[in-house]
Amino acid sequence: MPFNISRRELVRKFRSLGYLGPFSGRRHQFMIKGRKKIRIPNPHGSGDIDVSLLKEILRQAGISDKEWEEA
């Protein structure tokens, strides 16, 4: 996963992995799947999500690179 990703694509992929949302939180929106809850970056402008932040989000969600690529 060597590329940045748009927020729209991030949400699309998490939905394909079974997550619901995004829902409004206090400071960040979040998506849920069962008892897992992940925070997603705020939609500031049209900037893409950096690959390092994406990797951290996936680590917290317990999603492997392979699962992500197949979503």
Protein backbone atom coordinates (compact mmCIF):
# COMPACT_ATOMS: atom_id res chain seq x y z
CA MET A 1 0.00 0.00 0.00
CA PRO A 2 2.45 2.64 -1.16
CA PHE A 3 -0.09 5.36 -1.93
CA ASN A 4 -2.11 7.96 -0.09
CA ILE A 5 -5.88 7.46 -0.14
CA SER A 6 -8.84 9.82 -0.28
CA ARG A 7 -11.20 9.94 2.69
CA ARG A 8 -14.05 8.83 0.42
CA GLU A 9 -12.09 5.74 -0.63
CA LEU A 10 -11.19 5.01 3.02
CA VAL A 11 -14.87 5.03 4.00
CA ARG A 12 -15.81 2.90 0.96
CA LYS A 13 -13.23 0.25 1.83
CA PHE A 14 -14.21 0.11 5.50
CA ARG A 15 -17.85 -0.33 4.48
CA SER A 16 -16.86 -3.20 2.21
CA LEU A 17 -15.13 -4.76 5.23
CA GLY A 18 -18.41 -4.64 7.19
CA TYR A 19 -18.05 -1.35 9.08
CA LEU A 20 -21.00 0.98 9.54
CA GLY A 21 -20.85 4.76 9.44
CA PRO A 22 -19.28 7.20 9.53
CA PHE A 23 -21.00 8.56 12.61
CA SER A 24 -20.37 11.91 14.29
CA GLY A 25 -18.22 11.85 17.38
CA ARG A 26 -16.91 14.60 19.64
CA ARG A 27 -13.84 15.52 17.61
CA HIS A 28 -13.68 12.85 14.91
CA GLN A 29 -16.14 10.77 12.99
CA PHE A 30 -15.97 7.04 13.58
CA MET A 31 -17.04 3.75 12.04
CA ILE A 32 -18.07 0.61 13.90
CA LYS A 33 -18.12 -3.13 13.34
CA GLY A 34 -19.40 -5.14 16.26
CA ARG A 35 -17.41 -3.94 19.26
CA LYS A 36 -14.65 -2.38 17.14
CA LYS A 37 -14.72 1.38 16.76
CA ILE A 38 -12.26 3.25 14.57
CA ARG A 39 -11.79 6.98 14.30
CA ILE A 40 -11.48 8.37 10.82
CA PRO A 41 -9.82 11.65 9.87
CA ASN A 42 -11.92 14.76 9.54
CA PRO A 43 -12.77 15.87 5.99
CA HIS A 44 -10.57 18.99 5.88
CA GLY A 45 -10.39 20.16 2.30
CA SER A 46 -9.56 17.69 -0.40
CA GLY A 47 -6.29 16.43 1.06
CA ASP A 48 -5.59 12.72 0.94
CA ILE A 49 -4.83 10.56 3.97
CA ASP A 50 -1.12 9.86 4.25
CA VAL A 51 -0.02 6.23 4.00
CA SER A 52 1.51 6.33 7.51
CA LEU A 53 -1.82 7.41 9.04
CA LEU A 54 -3.64 4.78 6.99
CA LYS A 55 -1.31 2.06 8.31
CA GLU A 56 -1.95 3.20 11.89
CA ILE A 57 -5.74 3.13 11.36
CA LEU A 58 -5.51 -0.37 9.89
CA ARG A 59 -3.30 -1.55 12.76
CA GLN A 60 -5.81 -0.29 15.32
CA ALA A 61 -8.65 -1.98 13.41
CA GLY A 62 -6.71 -5.25 13.13
CA ILE A 63 -6.91 -5.28 9.34
CA SER A 64 -4.04 -6.86 7.41
CA ASP A 65 -2.57 -5.34 4.24
CA LYS A 66 -3.97 -8.30 2.30
CA GLU A 67 -7.51 -7.80 3.66
CA TRP A 68 -7.28 -4.10 2.81
CA GLU A 69 -6.10 -4.69 -0.74
CA GLU A 70 -8.92 -7.21 -1.35
CA ALA A 71 -11.64 -4.86 0.00
